Amino acid sequence: MTFANLREFLEVLKKDGDLKIIEAPVDPYLELAEIHRRVIEQEGPALLFTNVKGSPFPVVTNLFGTSRRVDLAFGPRPEELMKQIVGATERIMPPTLKAIWGEKQLILDMMKVGMKDVPASSAPILGTLKKDRPLAGLPAITSWQEDGGPFVTLPLVYTESMASRKKHNLGMYRMQIFDDSTTGMHWQIHKGGGFHYYEAEQRNEALPVTVFLGGPPALIASAIAPLPEHLPELLMASLILGEKLPVVQNPQGGHRIPAQAEFAISGKVPPHLRRPEGPFGDHFGYYSLIHDFPVFEVDHVWHRKDAIYPATIVGKPRQEDYYLGEYLQRLLAPAFPMVMPGVKELWAYAEAGVHALAAAVVRESYSREALSTAFSILGQGQLTLTKFLMLTDQPIDLSRFDVLLETVLERFNPATDLFVFDETSHDTLDYTSGKLNHGSKAVMLGVGEPVRVLPRAYTEGAIGEIDNAQVYCPGCLVVSGASYEAEPALAERLLERLSEKGTEWPLVILADDANIAKGQTAFLWTVFTRFNPADDIYAMSDVRRHHFGYKLPIVIDARMKPGYPDELFPREDIVKLVDTRWNEYKL
């Protein structure tokens, strides 16, 4: 089953008992977000708030807050079609009439991919036009108390290349609402919309922008998918949808609009104009700080007469982006070996903010092929922002990080298999280097046969200044002691003490709380969002022929450090308010 628009999806969720309608009045300032966070933590239903203070529009959240709803939203067809496409590239080589005829059904399916123009009478999006104070009345949500203001959190931002309209981008970039006609545009360094804006600035021209809200769930998936730069997202949406995407000409001029969207916000982003944006509680689980970003000047808004405003809440994992990311990785997995022949499986960990950590099962048909593949991965699109990359040639389930880490540590030679690269690009939301968009990367290899037996329980006695030690997985010990602020050199002293002991543990993580070792989500989120490889990896080493050869043990300092943004916590009075009103929400 595929859904042509948002409300078809909501109807099915309602019939399945997987949509909760909240009729009690709810404030979009902090209260709505706190309700959402509690429900998603319990893997509860999608939420439709019909009485949002200050707005005539209902708000729907938690559309994709479980794997079941994600699978329902997109159905099995996209994954099946992706496998068929990849398989066909092998079956039709060399191309013969018989081989091509054997793929006739796939060819017919691919002919359905694209866009089709529909008349205004068949486009619900053109129900209402608003030009005066166009953003007034939108139920934009403030999720965290330190946020710089209300944000549009599920925007589908459409742009076209100034050089060719055929090259378009549909991305999801948060938008802080400054007033009734102006928002921020959080274009990050690795996003297609930012590339189009760069082109426009080089021409000293404003970039036309249209922001869609709602429409087919396929639009949302395509907007966040890490597609190759020149693969159009609207075609991806059509592929997921299983038919051509209906679009309508905007009577006010500008881009075509998906006919089934709930809102379409049209305007422009002027060149060379910046305005402070943020803070914002983001999917890393911290506040991203105030920085200057481009400004979106809104000219007009189209919306359905009975429009529903879709939104999401981001914060510490797991949130909706986790489940969407899981689906997209499954969808795109068959294509990775086509782009990178040495890659068999690839996984980026949403628990760590996606770009902070990735892993791959790779081919090692000749010595050091895995390292060549690592460079290939780090050269692909959004994967260029990967901070820590781990590779093995063993056939394992990469979603189980404990299994991956154990597999790598069994095979890892620190003298030849750990590489740290400084002065590289970082995700805009990763502040661990202390410099926006800049940081370091590390690559860790574990291929071939095991070279060591890993310890499974800690039996080496007390460690000076360490008050707790927990095993995350065989070979990886997590310890805690004083904070970084109190003892910034503790990681160095820990390395010395472990080396003097002749510890059997190849990897030791220094954290603020060693109990993060008890679960994958807490471990990945804490460790990989709190260290910059060039600053926080400690090991004895020597330099030969310009290569750092490391010695065991490896210590990673994953404590909170001065300059890191604040961790996200809900405001106490809002927690109490939601506690008090919980029965009113009838959840």
Protein backbone atom coordinates (compact mmCIF):
# COMPACT_ATOMS: atom_id res chain seq x y z
CA MET A 1 0.00 0.00 0.00
CA THR A 2 1.21 3.49 -0.83
CA PHE A 3 -0.29 6.80 0.27
CA ALA A 4 -0.98 9.70 -2.05
CA ASN A 5 -1.11 12.22 0.79
CA LEU A 6 -0.81 12.68 4.53
CA ARG A 7 -4.48 12.18 5.37
CA GLU A 8 -4.69 8.79 3.66
CA PHE A 9 -1.90 7.65 5.94
CA LEU A 10 -3.64 9.11 9.00
CA GLU A 11 -6.88 7.31 8.13
CA VAL A 12 -5.13 3.94 8.08
CA LEU A 13 -3.35 4.72 11.36
CA LYS A 14 -6.69 5.67 12.91
CA LYS A 15 -8.30 2.40 11.78
CA ASP A 16 -5.34 0.47 13.18
CA GLY A 17 -5.58 2.24 16.54
CA ASP A 18 -2.15 3.75 15.92
CA LEU A 19 -3.24 7.41 15.93
CA LYS A 20 -4.25 9.25 19.09
CA ILE A 21 -6.36 12.39 18.73
CA ILE A 22 -5.74 14.92 21.51
CA GLU A 23 -8.61 17.40 21.74
CA ALA A 24 -7.49 19.15 24.92
CA PRO A 25 -5.88 22.57 24.37
CA VAL A 26 -2.09 22.22 24.07
CA ASP A 27 0.56 24.92 23.92
CA PRO A 28 3.05 24.60 21.02
CA TYR A 29 5.60 26.23 23.34
CA LEU A 30 7.31 23.28 25.12
CA GLU A 31 4.13 21.44 26.22
CA LEU A 32 3.41 19.71 22.92
CA ALA A 33 7.02 18.56 22.60
CA GLU A 34 7.06 17.09 26.11
CA ILE A 35 3.92 15.06 25.34
CA HIS A 36 5.50 13.82 22.12
CA ARG A 37 8.74 12.78 23.83
CA ARG A 38 6.93 10.68 26.42
CA VAL A 39 4.84 8.90 23.79
CA ILE A 40 7.75 8.12 21.45
CA GLU A 41 9.81 6.81 24.37
CA GLN A 42 7.09 4.19 24.88
CA GLU A 43 6.88 3.51 21.11
CA GLY A 44 3.36 4.89 21.28
CA PRO A 45 1.00 6.08 18.53
CA ALA A 46 1.12 9.01 16.15
CA LEU A 47 -0.40 12.13 17.72
CA LEU A 48 -2.95 14.52 16.20
CA PHE A 49 -3.38 17.70 18.28
CA THR A 50 -6.67 19.34 17.20
CA ASN A 51 -6.66 22.27 19.64
CA VAL A 52 -3.27 24.01 19.39
CA LYS A 53 -3.14 27.36 21.14
CA GLY A 54 -2.72 30.36 18.84
CA SER A 55 -3.37 28.46 15.60
CA PRO A 56 -6.37 27.32 13.55
CA PHE A 57 -4.40 24.32 12.25
CA PRO A 58 -4.17 20.88 13.87
CA VAL A 59 -0.66 19.46 14.36
CA VAL A 60 0.40 15.87 13.72
CA THR A 61 3.62 14.45 15.17
CA ASN A 62 5.25 11.05 15.71
CA LEU A 63 4.21 9.86 12.26
CA PHE A 64 7.36 7.74 11.99
CA GLY A 65 8.06 6.94 15.64
CA THR A 66 8.09 3.14 15.25
CA SER A 67 9.53 0.76 12.68
CA ARG A 68 6.01 -0.51 12.01
CA ARG A 69 4.70 2.93 11.01
CA VAL A 70 7.70 3.56 8.79
CA ASP A 71 7.18 0.24 7.01
CA LEU A 72 3.47 1.01 6.66
CA ALA A 73 4.14 4.50 5.28
CA PHE A 74 6.31 3.27 2.41
CA GLY A 75 5.36 -0.38 1.96
CA PRO A 76 7.63 -3.17 0.68
CA ARG A 77 7.64 -2.06 -2.98
CA PRO A 78 10.52 0.47 -2.81
CA GLU A 79 12.95 -2.05 -1.29
CA GLU A 80 11.90 -4.73 -3.78
CA LEU A 81 12.27 -2.30 -6.68
CA MET A 82 15.70 -1.18 -5.52
CA LYS A 83 16.88 -4.80 -5.38
CA GLN A 84 15.47 -5.39 -8.87
CA ILE A 85 17.28 -2.35 -10.26
CA VAL A 86 20.60 -3.43 -8.80
CA GLY A 87 20.09 -7.02 -9.94
CA ALA A 88 19.16 -5.90 -13.43
CA THR A 89 22.49 -4.14 -13.89
CA GLU A 90 24.14 -7.55 -13.61
CA ARG A 91 21.55 -9.52 -15.59
CA ILE A 92 21.62 -7.32 -18.68
CA MET A 93 25.41 -7.30 -18.96
CA PRO A 94 26.34 -7.84 -21.68
CA PRO A 95 23.18 -6.28 -23.11
CA THR A 96 21.21 -8.57 -25.42
CA LEU A 97 17.63 -8.38 -26.66
CA LYS A 98 16.79 -11.45 -24.59
CA ALA A 99 18.33 -9.98 -21.43
CA ILE A 100 16.58 -6.64 -21.91
CA TRP A 101 13.25 -8.36 -22.62
CA GLY A 102 13.65 -10.27 -19.37
CA GLU A 103 13.59 -6.95 -17.54
CA LYS A 104 10.46 -5.63 -19.30
CA GLN A 105 8.44 -5.34 -16.07
CA LEU A 106 11.19 -3.35 -14.39
CA ILE A 107 11.38 -1.09 -17.45
CA LEU A 108 7.62 -0.53 -17.25
CA ASP A 109 7.91 0.28 -13.54
CA MET A 110 10.70 2.77 -14.19
CA MET A 111 8.57 4.47 -16.85
CA LYS A 112 6.16 5.38 -14.04
CA VAL A 113 8.86 7.39 -12.29
CA GLY A 114 8.63 11.15 -12.73
CA MET A 115 6.19 14.02 -12.31
CA LYS A 116 2.88 14.77 -13.93
CA ASP A 117 1.17 18.15 -14.17
CA VAL A 118 -2.41 18.32 -12.91
CA PRO A 119 -4.92 21.19 -13.23
CA ALA A 120 -5.52 23.56 -10.34
CA SER A 121 -8.95 21.99 -9.82
CA SER A 122 -7.21 18.71 -8.92
CA ALA A 123 -4.71 20.27 -6.51
CA PRO A 124 -5.98 20.62 -2.93
CA ILE A 125 -2.83 22.59 -2.05
CA LEU A 126 -4.29 25.61 -3.89
CA GLY A 127 -7.26 25.79 -1.53
CA THR A 128 -6.18 28.98 0.27
CA LEU A 129 -3.68 31.72 -0.54
CA LYS A 130 -2.16 33.94 2.16
CA LYS A 131 0.00 36.93 1.23
CA ASP A 132 -0.42 39.31 4.17
CA ARG A 133 1.72 38.15 7.11
CA PRO A 134 1.94 34.74 5.42
CA LEU A 135 3.42 32.83 8.38
CA ALA A 136 1.02 34.19 11.00
CA GLY A 137 -1.00 31.43 12.64
CA LEU A 138 1.35 28.57 11.79
CA PRO A 139 1.60 26.31 14.87
CA ALA A 140 5.39 26.22 14.79
CA ILE A 141 6.76 24.37 17.79
CA THR A 142 9.31 25.38 20.38
CA SER A 143 10.72 22.04 21.55
CA TRP A 144 13.33 23.07 24.14
CA GLN A 145 13.46 26.00 26.53
CA GLU A 146 16.78 27.38 25.24
CA ASP A 147 15.68 27.30 21.60
CA GLY A 148 16.04 30.65 19.84
CA GLY A 149 12.34 30.61 18.96
CA PRO A 150 9.74 28.44 17.25
CA PHE A 151 11.02 26.28 14.40
CA VAL A 152 9.50 24.56 11.40
CA THR A 153 10.85 21.06 12.05
CA LEU A 154 9.55 18.99 9.12
CA PRO A 155 10.07 21.34 6.15
CA LEU A 156 10.71 19.95 2.67
CA VAL A 157 12.86 22.69 1.15
CA TYR A 158 12.82 22.72 -2.65
CA THR A 159 15.42 24.56 -4.75
CA GLU A 160 16.69 24.42 -8.31
CA SER A 161 20.14 25.00 -9.69
CA MET A 162 20.62 28.47 -11.17
CA ALA A 163 22.43 26.80 -14.07
CA SER A 164 19.75 24.21 -14.88
CA ARG A 165 16.20 23.85 -13.52
CA LYS A 166 16.43 20.12 -14.15
CA LYS A 167 18.91 19.88 -11.26
CA HIS A 168 16.76 20.24 -8.17
CA ASN A 169 17.12 19.47 -4.48
CA LEU A 170 14.56 18.55 -1.86
CA GLY A 171 16.10 18.65 1.60
CA MET A 172 15.03 18.99 5.19
CA TYR A 173 16.64 22.05 6.78
CA ARG A 174 15.25 23.49 9.98
CA MET A 175 13.70 26.95 9.78
CA GLN A 176 13.57 29.31 12.75
CA ILE A 177 10.60 31.65 12.47
CA PHE A 178 11.78 35.22 13.04
CA ASP A 179 8.50 37.00 12.26
CA ASP A 180 5.36 36.64 10.13
CA SER A 181 7.28 36.75 6.84
CA THR A 182 10.88 35.72 7.61
CA THR A 183 12.67 32.56 8.74
CA GLY A 184 16.19 31.28 8.98
CA MET A 185 17.45 28.70 6.48
CA HIS A 186 19.81 26.25 8.14
CA TRP A 187 21.72 25.10 5.05
CA GLN A 188 24.64 22.96 6.17
CA ILE A 189 27.89 22.59 4.24
CA HIS A 190 27.10 19.17 2.78
CA LYS A 191 23.51 19.77 1.64
CA GLY A 192 22.23 20.28 -1.92
CA GLY A 193 20.21 23.38 -1.09
CA GLY A 194 23.37 24.99 0.18
CA PHE A 195 25.12 24.21 -3.12
CA HIS A 196 22.29 25.91 -5.04
CA TYR A 197 22.50 28.94 -2.75
CA TYR A 198 26.26 29.13 -3.33
CA GLU A 199 25.61 29.23 -7.08
CA ALA A 200 23.07 32.03 -6.62
CA GLU A 201 25.44 34.06 -4.46
CA GLN A 202 28.17 33.76 -7.08
CA ARG A 203 25.72 35.40 -9.49
CA ASN A 204 24.67 37.94 -6.84
CA GLU A 205 21.08 36.73 -7.24
CA ALA A 206 18.37 35.68 -4.79
CA LEU A 207 17.58 31.96 -4.82
CA PRO A 208 13.87 31.09 -5.24
CA VAL A 209 12.74 28.63 -2.55
CA THR A 210 9.51 26.73 -1.97
CA VAL A 211 8.95 24.82 1.26
CA PHE A 212 6.45 21.96 1.23
CA LEU A 213 4.80 20.59 4.36
CA GLY A 214 3.01 17.26 4.21
CA GLY A 215 1.99 15.46 1.06
CA PRO A 216 2.83 11.82 0.37
CA PRO A 217 5.05 10.26 3.08
CA ALA A 218 7.38 9.44 0.18
CA LEU A 219 8.29 13.13 -0.05
CA ILE A 220 9.60 13.14 3.50
CA ALA A 221 11.67 10.01 2.94
CA SER A 222 13.22 11.35 -0.25
CA ALA A 223 14.06 14.69 1.39
CA ILE A 224 16.20 13.09 4.08
CA ALA A 225 17.68 10.27 2.00
CA PRO A 226 21.47 10.60 1.48
CA LEU A 227 21.16 10.45 -2.29
CA PRO A 228 24.03 11.18 -4.70
CA GLU A 229 24.24 14.91 -5.38
CA HIS A 230 22.77 14.80 -8.90
CA LEU A 231 19.97 12.26 -8.27
CA PRO A 232 16.69 14.25 -8.06
CA GLU A 233 14.79 13.71 -4.82
CA LEU A 234 11.39 14.16 -6.48
CA LEU A 235 12.18 11.18 -8.69
CA MET A 236 13.05 9.21 -5.57
CA ALA A 237 9.68 10.20 -4.11
CA SER A 238 7.98 8.99 -7.27
CA LEU A 239 9.85 5.69 -7.08
CA ILE A 240 8.68 5.14 -3.48
CA LEU A 241 5.16 6.23 -4.41
CA GLY A 242 5.01 3.80 -7.31
CA GLU A 243 3.60 6.35 -9.75
CA LYS A 244 4.32 9.79 -11.14
CA LEU A 245 4.16 12.54 -8.53
CA PRO A 246 1.25 14.96 -9.20
CA VAL A 247 2.43 18.59 -9.29
CA VAL A 248 0.65 21.84 -10.09
CA GLN A 249 1.86 25.18 -11.43
CA ASN A 250 1.93 27.90 -8.77
CA PRO A 251 -0.52 30.60 -9.95
CA GLN A 252 1.70 33.16 -8.20
CA GLY A 253 4.69 32.04 -10.24
CA GLY A 254 7.73 30.06 -9.18
CA HIS A 255 8.22 26.36 -8.65
CA ARG A 256 5.67 23.67 -9.28
CA ILE A 257 4.06 22.36 -6.08
CA PRO A 258 3.14 18.79 -5.11
CA ALA A 259 -0.63 18.84 -5.56
CA GLN A 260 -1.29 16.83 -2.40
CA ALA A 261 0.89 18.86 0.00
CA GLU A 262 -0.65 20.48 3.07
CA PHE A 263 1.29 23.77 2.87
CA ALA A 264 3.58 25.42 0.28
CA ILE A 265 5.64 28.38 1.50
CA SER A 266 7.13 30.38 -1.37
CA GLY A 267 9.75 33.11 -1.38
CA LYS A 268 13.44 33.75 -1.87
CA VAL A 269 16.77 33.70 -0.05
CA PRO A 270 18.73 36.90 -0.84
CA PRO A 271 22.46 36.66 -1.54
CA HIS A 272 25.03 37.62 1.11
CA LEU A 273 22.39 38.20 3.80
CA ARG A 274 22.90 36.40 7.12
CA ARG A 275 21.14 36.52 10.46
CA PRO A 276 21.87 34.82 13.80
CA GLU A 277 19.99 31.50 14.05
CA GLY A 278 19.62 29.24 17.09
CA PRO A 279 20.17 27.89 19.65
CA PHE A 280 18.27 24.73 18.73
CA GLY A 281 17.95 21.41 20.53
CA ASP A 282 19.00 19.07 17.74
CA HIS A 283 19.21 15.34 16.99
CA PHE A 284 22.70 15.10 18.54
CA GLY A 285 20.96 15.56 21.91
CA TYR A 286 22.54 18.96 22.60
CA TYR A 287 21.83 22.58 21.74
CA SER A 288 23.43 23.69 18.51
CA LEU A 289 24.65 27.22 19.15
CA ILE A 290 23.91 30.60 17.58
CA HIS A 291 25.49 31.09 14.16
CA ASP A 292 24.79 33.26 11.15
CA PHE A 293 22.72 31.55 8.45
CA PRO A 294 20.88 32.67 5.31
CA VAL A 295 17.44 34.30 5.58
CA PHE A 296 14.26 33.08 3.86
CA GLU A 297 11.94 35.93 2.87
CA VAL A 298 8.44 34.53 2.43
CA ASP A 299 6.21 36.02 -0.26
CA HIS A 300 3.09 33.87 0.07
CA VAL A 301 1.72 30.61 1.47
CA TRP A 302 -0.68 28.16 -0.15
CA HIS A 303 -2.46 25.59 2.00
CA ARG A 304 -5.34 23.18 1.91
CA LYS A 305 -8.59 24.58 3.27
CA ASP A 306 -8.45 21.95 6.04
CA ALA A 307 -4.66 21.81 6.29
CA ILE A 308 -2.88 19.65 8.87
CA TYR A 309 0.53 20.87 10.03
CA PRO A 310 3.11 18.05 10.23
CA ALA A 311 5.96 18.41 12.70
CA THR A 312 8.60 16.39 14.49
CA ILE A 313 10.55 16.75 17.71
CA VAL A 314 14.28 16.10 17.76
CA GLY A 315 16.52 15.41 20.71
CA LYS A 316 18.43 12.55 22.27
CA PRO A 317 18.00 9.28 20.36
CA ARG A 318 15.77 7.50 19.72
CA GLN A 319 13.47 9.95 17.95
CA GLU A 320 11.62 9.75 14.62
CA ASP A 321 14.79 10.42 12.64
CA TYR A 322 16.20 7.15 14.01
CA TYR A 323 13.40 5.04 12.51
CA LEU A 324 13.44 6.92 9.21
CA GLY A 325 17.21 6.55 8.98
CA GLU A 326 16.95 2.83 9.66
CA TYR A 327 14.49 2.45 6.78
CA LEU A 328 16.52 4.55 4.35
CA GLN A 329 19.65 2.53 5.03
CA ARG A 330 17.75 -0.67 4.25
CA LEU A 331 16.34 0.91 1.09
CA LEU A 332 19.67 2.18 -0.23
CA ALA A 333 21.85 -0.73 0.95
CA PRO A 334 21.70 -2.68 -2.35
CA ALA A 335 23.05 0.36 -4.22
CA PHE A 336 26.20 0.84 -2.12
CA PRO A 337 28.23 -1.90 -3.86
CA MET A 338 27.37 -0.32 -7.24
CA VAL A 339 28.89 2.99 -6.19
CA MET A 340 31.68 1.50 -4.07
CA PRO A 341 32.54 -2.02 -5.31
CA GLY A 342 34.56 -2.89 -2.21
CA VAL A 343 31.60 -2.29 0.12
CA LYS A 344 29.32 -5.22 0.97
CA GLU A 345 27.32 -3.57 3.77
CA LEU A 346 27.29 -0.03 5.16
CA TRP A 347 25.67 1.37 8.30
CA ALA A 348 25.61 4.82 9.89
CA TYR A 349 24.56 4.93 13.54
CA ALA A 350 21.63 7.25 14.28
CA GLU A 351 22.27 6.71 18.00
CA ALA A 352 25.46 8.76 17.54
CA GLY A 353 23.93 11.45 15.32
CA VAL A 354 24.56 9.57 12.03
CA HIS A 355 27.69 11.43 10.86
CA ALA A 356 29.63 10.77 14.05
CA LEU A 357 29.97 7.03 13.42
CA ALA A 358 29.71 4.65 10.46
CA ALA A 359 30.83 1.12 9.75
CA ALA A 360 31.15 -1.17 6.75
CA VAL A 361 31.69 -4.78 5.86
CA VAL A 362 34.22 -4.65 3.04
CA ARG A 363 36.14 -6.85 0.65
CA GLU A 364 39.78 -7.61 1.42
CA SER A 365 40.86 -9.50 -1.70
CA TYR A 366 44.37 -8.03 -1.48
CA SER A 367 46.38 -6.54 1.35
CA ARG A 368 45.11 -3.10 2.43
CA GLU A 369 42.13 -3.10 0.09
CA ALA A 370 40.02 -2.23 3.12
CA LEU A 371 41.96 1.00 3.56
CA SER A 372 41.36 1.95 -0.08
CA THR A 373 37.66 1.29 0.47
CA ALA A 374 37.72 3.53 3.54
CA PHE A 375 38.94 6.42 1.38
CA SER A 376 36.18 5.65 -1.11
CA ILE A 377 33.52 5.78 1.60
CA LEU A 378 34.86 9.06 2.97
CA GLY A 379 34.63 10.53 -0.53
CA GLN A 380 30.93 9.86 -1.05
CA GLY A 381 28.37 12.65 -0.54
CA GLN A 382 27.24 13.05 3.05
CA LEU A 383 29.58 10.22 4.09
CA THR A 384 32.42 12.73 3.72
CA LEU A 385 31.38 14.07 7.13
CA THR A 386 31.83 10.73 8.90
CA LYS A 387 33.91 11.30 12.02
CA PHE A 388 34.77 7.71 12.99
CA LEU A 389 34.73 4.87 10.44
CA MET A 390 35.16 1.20 11.35
CA LEU A 391 35.72 -1.55 8.78
CA THR A 392 35.82 -5.32 8.85
CA ASP A 393 35.71 -8.07 6.24
CA GLN A 394 33.69 -10.40 8.45
CA PRO A 395 29.97 -11.03 7.58
CA ILE A 396 28.26 -9.52 10.63
CA ASP A 397 25.13 -7.54 11.45
CA LEU A 398 26.41 -3.98 11.56
CA SER A 399 23.40 -2.71 13.48
CA ARG A 400 24.81 -4.64 16.49
CA PHE A 401 27.67 -2.33 17.40
CA ASP A 402 28.92 -4.56 20.21
CA VAL A 403 29.41 -7.40 17.70
CA LEU A 404 31.16 -5.05 15.27
CA LEU A 405 33.51 -3.66 17.91
CA GLU A 406 34.41 -7.11 19.22
CA THR A 407 35.09 -8.30 15.66
CA VAL A 408 37.35 -5.34 14.91
CA LEU A 409 39.23 -5.47 18.21
CA GLU A 410 40.02 -9.17 17.71
CA ARG A 411 41.75 -8.34 14.41
CA PHE A 412 42.99 -4.79 14.94
CA ASN A 413 46.75 -4.06 14.71
CA PRO A 414 47.22 -0.58 16.25
CA ALA A 415 50.51 -0.04 14.43
CA THR A 416 48.92 -0.33 10.98
CA ASP A 417 45.13 -0.17 11.38
CA LEU A 418 44.36 3.13 13.09
CA PHE A 419 44.49 6.39 11.14
CA VAL A 420 43.68 9.86 12.48
CA PHE A 421 43.26 12.75 10.05
CA ASP A 422 43.19 16.29 11.40
CA GLU A 423 41.98 19.46 9.65
CA THR A 424 38.97 17.84 7.98
CA SER A 425 35.29 18.78 7.66
CA HIS A 426 32.78 18.04 10.42
CA ASP A 427 29.02 17.97 10.60
CA THR A 428 27.76 21.48 11.37
CA LEU A 429 26.06 20.12 14.50
CA ASP A 430 29.22 18.46 15.89
CA TYR A 431 31.03 20.85 18.25
CA THR A 432 33.67 18.49 19.60
CA SER A 433 36.56 20.19 17.78
CA GLY A 434 35.66 23.67 19.01
CA LYS A 435 35.52 25.02 15.44
CA LEU A 436 32.34 25.10 13.36
CA ASN A 437 32.36 22.69 10.38
CA HIS A 438 35.96 21.62 11.11
CA GLY A 439 37.41 18.71 13.02
CA SER A 440 39.16 15.38 12.57
CA LYS A 441 38.40 11.84 11.47
CA ALA A 442 39.57 8.38 12.40
CA VAL A 443 39.54 5.08 10.51
CA MET A 444 39.87 1.77 12.34
CA LEU A 445 40.35 -1.53 10.49
CA GLY A 446 39.84 -5.07 11.72
CA VAL A 447 40.21 -7.58 8.90
CA GLY A 448 41.54 -11.11 8.43
CA GLU A 449 41.98 -13.70 11.15
CA PRO A 450 41.84 -12.86 14.88
CA VAL A 451 45.19 -11.86 16.39
CA ARG A 452 44.18 -11.80 20.06
CA VAL A 453 41.75 -13.27 22.56
CA LEU A 454 39.75 -10.48 24.14
CA PRO A 455 39.08 -10.17 27.87
CA ARG A 456 35.41 -10.48 28.83
CA ALA A 457 35.45 -9.51 32.50
CA TYR A 458 37.55 -6.95 34.33
CA THR A 459 39.87 -8.66 36.83
CA GLU A 460 42.92 -6.37 36.87
CA GLY A 461 42.25 -4.62 40.18
CA ALA A 462 41.80 -0.97 41.10
CA ILE A 463 42.93 1.80 38.74
CA GLY A 464 44.07 5.05 40.32
CA GLU A 465 41.49 7.88 40.11
CA ILE A 466 38.91 5.53 38.55
CA ASP A 467 35.78 4.86 40.59
CA ASN A 468 33.79 2.62 38.25
CA ALA A 469 34.61 0.16 35.46
CA GLN A 470 32.07 -1.61 33.25
CA VAL A 471 32.47 -3.94 30.28
CA TYR A 472 30.70 -2.80 27.12
CA CYS A 473 31.76 -5.81 25.04
CA PRO A 474 34.76 -8.15 24.98
CA GLY A 475 37.84 -5.95 24.58
CA CYS A 476 36.13 -2.64 25.40
CA LEU A 477 36.14 -1.31 28.97
CA VAL A 478 34.29 1.85 30.04
CA VAL A 479 35.60 3.66 33.13
CA SER A 480 34.71 6.86 34.96
CA GLY A 481 36.44 9.18 37.41
CA ALA A 482 36.73 12.94 37.78
CA SER A 483 35.16 15.29 35.27
CA TYR A 484 37.25 16.83 32.50
CA GLU A 485 36.85 20.24 34.08
CA ALA A 486 38.30 18.95 37.35
CA GLU A 487 41.02 16.73 35.86
CA PRO A 488 41.66 17.46 32.17
CA ALA A 489 44.81 15.28 32.12
CA LEU A 490 43.12 12.19 33.58
CA ALA A 491 43.03 10.39 30.21
CA GLU A 492 46.82 10.71 29.87
CA ARG A 493 47.37 9.39 33.39
CA LEU A 494 44.89 6.58 32.74
CA LEU A 495 46.89 5.53 29.67
CA GLU A 496 50.11 5.47 31.72
CA ARG A 497 48.55 3.36 34.48
CA LEU A 498 46.98 0.88 32.07
CA SER A 499 50.26 0.56 30.18
CA GLU A 500 52.18 -0.05 33.41
CA LYS A 501 49.67 -2.75 34.33
CA GLY A 502 50.13 -4.41 30.95
CA THR A 503 46.36 -4.38 30.57
CA GLU A 504 44.71 -6.91 28.31
CA TRP A 505 42.03 -4.40 27.30
CA PRO A 506 42.78 -2.98 23.84
CA LEU A 507 40.19 -0.18 24.08
CA VAL A 508 39.28 1.83 27.17
CA ILE A 509 36.67 4.58 27.14
CA LEU A 510 36.87 7.31 29.79
CA ALA A 511 33.34 8.64 30.34
CA ASP A 512 31.52 10.72 32.92
CA ASP A 513 29.43 7.67 33.82
CA ALA A 514 30.71 4.15 33.17
CA ASN A 515 27.18 2.78 33.31
CA ILE A 516 26.64 3.81 29.70
CA ALA A 517 28.24 0.43 28.94
CA LYS A 518 24.92 -1.24 29.74
CA GLY A 519 23.16 -0.34 26.47
CA GLN A 520 23.97 0.41 22.83
CA THR A 521 21.99 3.64 22.54
CA ALA A 522 23.48 5.25 25.64
CA PHE A 523 26.99 4.04 24.77
CA LEU A 524 26.99 5.28 21.18
CA TRP A 525 25.31 8.58 21.96
CA THR A 526 27.61 9.43 24.86
CA VAL A 527 30.92 8.26 23.41
CA PHE A 528 30.75 9.40 19.80
CA THR A 529 29.16 12.79 20.42
CA ARG A 530 31.79 13.70 23.05
CA PHE A 531 35.17 13.24 21.44
CA ASN A 532 37.17 14.60 18.54
CA PRO A 533 39.67 11.96 17.32
CA ALA A 534 42.71 14.26 17.03
CA ASP A 535 42.14 15.68 20.51
CA ASP A 536 40.77 12.77 22.49
CA ILE A 537 42.43 9.52 21.34
CA TYR A 538 45.37 8.64 23.58
CA ALA A 539 47.94 5.95 22.82
CA MET A 540 51.67 5.41 22.89
CA SER A 541 53.02 5.83 19.37
CA ASP A 542 56.06 6.21 17.17
CA VAL A 543 56.45 7.80 13.75
CA ARG A 544 58.01 5.94 10.87
CA ARG A 545 57.96 7.14 7.26
CA HIS A 546 55.39 9.79 8.20
CA HIS A 547 53.02 7.21 9.68
CA PHE A 548 51.91 7.10 13.32
CA GLY A 549 52.13 3.56 14.60
CA TYR A 550 50.05 3.21 17.77
CA LYS A 551 50.43 0.76 20.62
CA LEU A 552 47.79 -0.78 22.86
CA PRO A 553 45.90 0.18 24.86
CA ILE A 554 43.91 2.89 23.10
CA VAL A 555 42.15 5.33 25.46
CA ILE A 556 39.33 7.57 24.26
CA ASP A 557 38.37 10.54 26.43
CA ALA A 558 34.60 10.82 25.96
CA ARG A 559 33.89 13.12 28.89
CA MET A 560 31.98 16.39 28.49
CA LYS A 561 34.45 19.20 27.91
CA PRO A 562 34.36 23.00 28.26
CA GLY A 563 32.91 24.58 25.14
CA TYR A 564 30.60 21.67 24.34
CA PRO A 565 26.95 22.76 24.05
CA ASP A 566 24.53 21.87 26.83
CA GLU A 567 22.79 18.52 26.93
CA LEU A 568 19.02 18.61 26.38
CA PHE A 569 16.77 18.35 29.42
CA PRO A 570 13.09 19.38 29.59
CA ARG A 571 12.18 22.29 31.84
CA GLU A 572 10.98 21.12 35.25
CA ASP A 573 7.79 23.21 35.32
CA ILE A 574 6.79 21.82 31.89
CA VAL A 575 7.39 18.28 33.13
CA LYS A 576 5.11 18.99 36.10
CA LEU A 577 2.50 20.62 33.87
CA VAL A 578 2.33 17.58 31.60
CA ASP A 579 2.23 15.29 34.66
CA THR A 580 -0.74 17.25 35.99
CA ARG A 581 -2.62 17.33 32.67
CA TRP A 582 -1.83 13.80 31.50
CA ASN A 583 -5.36 12.50 32.02
CA GLU A 584 -6.76 15.44 30.05
CA TYR A 585 -4.83 14.34 26.98
CA LYS A 586 -6.58 10.95 27.23
CA LEU A 587 -3.49 9.03 26.28
